[in-house]
Amino acid sequence: MKIVNYSYARKNFRKVLDEVVNDSEVTCVVSKGNQVVIMSKSDYDSMVETLYVTRSFQGGLTGMSDGKDEERYQAQFLGGGDTVK
């Protein structure tokens, strides 16, 4: 994981995003004790899918055996967040 301070990330935002996407490099931006992680959407989707499969395997998601698992997964994990424009 690459760690950069807020000032660097702000001044080089395009470069930071390009590195995150092109190199699958997760980047942590640090500012006055706060930390934010930037990762590519495809890496995020993979992580969420792995979490879903792991939780499903362990019985963590209940009531999802009626054939609509994929639809619920899409709504809960991939389409349920707010989009910032």
N, C-alpha and C. Protein backbone atom coordinates (compact mmCIF):
# COMPACT_ATOMS: atom_id res chain seq x y z
N MET A 1 0.85 -1.18 0.00
CA MET A 1 0.00 0.00 0.00
C MET A 1 0.89 1.24 0.00
N LYS A 2 0.59 2.11 -0.90
CA LYS A 2 1.32 3.38 -0.99
C LYS A 2 0.66 4.38 -0.03
N ILE A 3 1.46 5.16 0.68
CA ILE A 3 0.93 6.16 1.60
C ILE A 3 1.43 7.53 1.16
N VAL A 4 0.49 8.45 0.99
CA VAL A 4 0.83 9.82 0.60
C VAL A 4 0.09 10.79 1.51
N ASN A 5 0.65 12.00 1.66
CA ASN A 5 -0.06 12.99 2.46
C ASN A 5 -1.10 13.72 1.58
N TYR A 6 -1.99 14.39 2.24
CA TYR A 6 -3.10 15.06 1.55
C TYR A 6 -2.62 16.08 0.52
N SER A 7 -1.63 16.87 0.88
CA SER A 7 -1.13 17.91 -0.04
C SER A 7 -0.62 17.29 -1.34
N TYR A 8 0.14 16.22 -1.22
CA TYR A 8 0.65 15.54 -2.41
C TYR A 8 -0.50 14.99 -3.24
N ALA A 9 -1.46 14.34 -2.59
CA ALA A 9 -2.59 13.76 -3.31
C ALA A 9 -3.41 14.84 -4.03
N ARG A 10 -3.59 15.96 -3.38
CA ARG A 10 -4.35 17.06 -3.99
C ARG A 10 -3.63 17.63 -5.20
N LYS A 11 -2.33 17.86 -5.06
CA LYS A 11 -1.55 18.44 -6.15
C LYS A 11 -1.35 17.47 -7.32
N ASN A 12 -1.36 16.18 -7.02
CA ASN A 12 -1.07 15.15 -8.03
C ASN A 12 -2.23 14.16 -8.17
N PHE A 13 -3.43 14.67 -8.05
CA PHE A 13 -4.60 13.78 -7.99
C PHE A 13 -4.70 12.86 -9.21
N ARG A 14 -4.53 13.41 -10.40
CA ARG A 14 -4.61 12.59 -11.62
C ARG A 14 -3.55 11.48 -11.59
N LYS A 15 -2.34 11.82 -11.20
CA LYS A 15 -1.26 10.83 -11.12
C LYS A 15 -1.58 9.74 -10.11
N VAL A 16 -2.08 10.14 -8.95
CA VAL A 16 -2.44 9.18 -7.91
C VAL A 16 -3.52 8.23 -8.43
N LEU A 17 -4.56 8.78 -9.07
CA LEU A 17 -5.63 7.94 -9.60
C LEU A 17 -5.12 7.01 -10.69
N ASP A 18 -4.27 7.52 -11.58
CA ASP A 18 -3.72 6.67 -12.64
C ASP A 18 -2.91 5.51 -12.07
N GLU A 19 -2.11 5.78 -11.04
CA GLU A 19 -1.33 4.72 -10.40
C GLU A 19 -2.25 3.69 -9.74
N VAL A 20 -3.30 4.16 -9.11
CA VAL A 20 -4.25 3.25 -8.47
C VAL A 20 -4.87 2.32 -9.50
N VAL A 21 -5.30 2.88 -10.62
CA VAL A 21 -5.99 2.09 -11.65
C VAL A 21 -5.01 1.23 -12.44
N ASN A 22 -3.94 1.83 -12.93
CA ASN A 22 -3.02 1.11 -13.83
C ASN A 22 -2.18 0.06 -13.13
N ASP A 23 -1.84 0.30 -11.88
CA ASP A 23 -0.95 -0.62 -11.15
C ASP A 23 -1.68 -1.43 -10.09
N SER A 24 -3.00 -1.29 -10.01
CA SER A 24 -3.78 -1.90 -8.92
C SER A 24 -3.13 -1.58 -7.57
N GLU A 25 -2.71 -0.35 -7.45
CA GLU A 25 -2.01 0.13 -6.25
C GLU A 25 -3.00 0.82 -5.32
N VAL A 26 -3.27 0.22 -4.19
CA VAL A 26 -4.11 0.86 -3.18
C VAL A 26 -3.29 1.96 -2.54
N THR A 27 -3.88 3.14 -2.40
CA THR A 27 -3.17 4.29 -1.85
C THR A 27 -3.92 4.82 -0.63
N CYS A 28 -3.18 5.08 0.42
CA CYS A 28 -3.74 5.67 1.63
C CYS A 28 -3.34 7.14 1.67
N VAL A 29 -4.33 8.02 1.79
CA VAL A 29 -4.08 9.46 1.89
C VAL A 29 -4.26 9.84 3.36
N VAL A 30 -3.21 10.47 3.92
CA VAL A 30 -3.20 10.81 5.34
C VAL A 30 -3.26 12.32 5.49
N SER A 31 -4.14 12.77 6.41
CA SER A 31 -4.26 14.20 6.68
C SER A 31 -4.68 14.41 8.12
N LYS A 32 -3.80 14.99 8.90
CA LYS A 32 -4.09 15.34 10.30
C LYS A 32 -4.75 14.19 11.07
N GLY A 33 -4.16 13.03 10.98
CA GLY A 33 -4.68 11.89 11.71
C GLY A 33 -5.79 11.13 11.02
N ASN A 34 -6.36 11.68 9.96
CA ASN A 34 -7.38 10.98 9.19
C ASN A 34 -6.73 10.19 8.07
N GLN A 35 -7.33 9.08 7.72
CA GLN A 35 -6.81 8.26 6.64
C GLN A 35 -7.94 7.85 5.72
N VAL A 36 -7.67 7.92 4.42
CA VAL A 36 -8.63 7.52 3.40
C VAL A 36 -7.92 6.59 2.44
N VAL A 37 -8.57 5.51 2.05
CA VAL A 37 -7.99 4.56 1.11
C VAL A 37 -8.63 4.77 -0.26
N ILE A 38 -7.78 4.84 -1.28
CA ILE A 38 -8.25 4.95 -2.66
C ILE A 38 -7.90 3.64 -3.36
N MET A 39 -8.89 3.02 -3.98
CA MET A 39 -8.65 1.80 -4.75
C MET A 39 -9.51 1.82 -6.00
N SER A 40 -9.12 1.05 -6.99
CA SER A 40 -9.87 1.03 -8.24
C SER A 40 -11.23 0.37 -8.04
N LYS A 41 -12.16 0.73 -8.88
CA LYS A 41 -13.51 0.15 -8.80
C LYS A 41 -13.46 -1.35 -9.03
N SER A 42 -12.63 -1.81 -9.98
CA SER A 42 -12.56 -3.25 -10.24
C SER A 42 -11.97 -4.00 -9.04
N ASP A 43 -10.96 -3.42 -8.38
CA ASP A 43 -10.43 -4.05 -7.17
C ASP A 43 -11.46 -4.05 -6.05
N TYR A 44 -12.21 -2.96 -5.93
CA TYR A 44 -13.27 -2.88 -4.93
C TYR A 44 -14.34 -3.94 -5.19
N ASP A 45 -14.78 -4.05 -6.45
CA ASP A 45 -15.79 -5.05 -6.80
C ASP A 45 -15.32 -6.46 -6.48
N SER A 46 -14.05 -6.75 -6.77
CA SER A 46 -13.49 -8.07 -6.46
C SER A 46 -13.49 -8.33 -4.96
N MET A 47 -13.10 -7.31 -4.19
CA MET A 47 -13.08 -7.45 -2.75
C MET A 47 -14.48 -7.69 -2.19
N VAL A 48 -15.45 -6.95 -2.69
CA VAL A 48 -16.83 -7.10 -2.23
C VAL A 48 -17.37 -8.48 -2.60
N GLU A 49 -17.07 -8.94 -3.81
CA GLU A 49 -17.53 -10.26 -4.22
C GLU A 49 -16.91 -11.34 -3.34
N THR A 50 -15.63 -11.21 -3.03
CA THR A 50 -14.98 -12.17 -2.14
C THR A 50 -15.63 -12.16 -0.77
N LEU A 51 -15.93 -10.99 -0.26
CA LEU A 51 -16.61 -10.87 1.02
C LEU A 51 -17.98 -11.54 0.96
N TYR A 52 -18.71 -11.30 -0.11
CA TYR A 52 -20.04 -11.89 -0.28
C TYR A 52 -19.96 -13.41 -0.29
N VAL A 53 -19.04 -13.94 -1.08
CA VAL A 53 -18.90 -15.40 -1.18
C VAL A 53 -18.50 -15.99 0.16
N THR A 54 -17.56 -15.35 0.84
CA THR A 54 -17.12 -15.83 2.14
C THR A 54 -18.25 -15.81 3.15
N ARG A 55 -19.00 -14.71 3.18
CA ARG A 55 -20.12 -14.60 4.12
C ARG A 55 -21.21 -15.60 3.78
N SER A 56 -21.48 -15.79 2.50
CA SER A 56 -22.50 -16.75 2.08
C SER A 56 -22.09 -18.16 2.49
N PHE A 57 -20.83 -18.48 2.26
CA PHE A 57 -20.32 -19.81 2.60
C PHE A 57 -20.42 -20.07 4.09
N GLN A 58 -20.20 -19.05 4.88
CA GLN A 58 -20.25 -19.19 6.34
C GLN A 58 -21.66 -19.04 6.88
N GLY A 59 -22.63 -18.81 6.00
CA GLY A 59 -24.00 -18.65 6.45
C GLY A 59 -24.30 -17.27 6.98
N GLY A 60 -23.47 -16.29 6.63
CA GLY A 60 -23.64 -14.93 7.13
C GLY A 60 -24.80 -14.19 6.50
N LEU A 61 -25.18 -14.56 5.29
CA LEU A 61 -26.33 -13.93 4.64
C LEU A 61 -27.49 -14.91 4.68
N THR A 62 -28.47 -14.62 5.49
CA THR A 62 -29.59 -15.53 5.65
C THR A 62 -30.77 -15.08 4.81
N GLY A 63 -31.64 -16.01 4.51
CA GLY A 63 -32.83 -15.69 3.76
C GLY A 63 -32.56 -15.40 2.30
N MET A 64 -31.48 -15.95 1.76
CA MET A 64 -31.13 -15.67 0.37
C MET A 64 -31.11 -16.95 -0.45
N SER A 65 -32.03 -17.86 -0.18
CA SER A 65 -32.02 -19.14 -0.88
C SER A 65 -33.21 -19.30 -1.82
N ASP A 66 -33.85 -18.21 -2.19
CA ASP A 66 -35.04 -18.30 -3.04
C ASP A 66 -34.73 -18.04 -4.51
N GLY A 67 -33.45 -18.16 -4.92
CA GLY A 67 -33.10 -17.99 -6.31
C GLY A 67 -32.81 -16.56 -6.72
N LYS A 68 -32.87 -15.63 -5.81
CA LYS A 68 -32.64 -14.23 -6.14
C LYS A 68 -31.35 -13.72 -5.50
N ASP A 69 -30.41 -14.63 -5.24
CA ASP A 69 -29.16 -14.25 -4.59
C ASP A 69 -28.40 -13.18 -5.39
N GLU A 70 -28.24 -13.41 -6.69
CA GLU A 70 -27.47 -12.49 -7.51
C GLU A 70 -28.13 -11.11 -7.54
N GLU A 71 -29.44 -11.08 -7.63
CA GLU A 71 -30.17 -9.79 -7.65
C GLU A 71 -29.97 -9.04 -6.34
N ARG A 72 -30.06 -9.74 -5.23
CA ARG A 72 -29.86 -9.11 -3.93
C ARG A 72 -28.41 -8.65 -3.76
N TYR A 73 -27.48 -9.49 -4.23
CA TYR A 73 -26.07 -9.13 -4.17
C TYR A 73 -25.81 -7.83 -4.92
N GLN A 74 -26.35 -7.73 -6.13
CA GLN A 74 -26.17 -6.52 -6.94
C GLN A 74 -26.73 -5.31 -6.19
N ALA A 75 -27.92 -5.45 -5.63
CA ALA A 75 -28.56 -4.33 -4.94
C ALA A 75 -27.81 -3.96 -3.66
N GLN A 76 -27.41 -4.98 -2.91
CA GLN A 76 -26.78 -4.72 -1.61
C GLN A 76 -25.36 -4.21 -1.73
N PHE A 77 -24.57 -4.80 -2.61
CA PHE A 77 -23.15 -4.49 -2.63
C PHE A 77 -22.70 -3.62 -3.79
N LEU A 78 -23.28 -3.79 -4.96
CA LEU A 78 -22.77 -3.08 -6.12
C LEU A 78 -23.60 -1.85 -6.47
N GLY A 79 -24.88 -1.86 -6.18
CA GLY A 79 -25.70 -0.73 -6.56
C GLY A 79 -26.28 0.03 -5.39
N GLY A 80 -25.94 -0.39 -4.18
CA GLY A 80 -26.57 0.21 -3.03
C GLY A 80 -25.92 1.48 -2.50
N GLY A 81 -24.76 1.82 -3.02
CA GLY A 81 -24.07 3.00 -2.51
C GLY A 81 -24.46 4.27 -3.24
N ASP A 82 -24.18 5.38 -2.61
CA ASP A 82 -24.44 6.67 -3.23
C ASP A 82 -23.34 6.98 -4.24
N THR A 83 -23.72 7.63 -5.30
CA THR A 83 -22.76 8.05 -6.30
C THR A 83 -22.48 9.53 -6.12
N VAL A 84 -21.23 9.88 -6.00
CA VAL A 84 -20.83 11.27 -5.85
C VAL A 84 -20.47 11.80 -7.22
N LYS A 85 -21.07 12.90 -7.61
CA LYS A 85 -20.78 13.48 -8.93
C LYS A 85 -20.04 14.78 -8.80
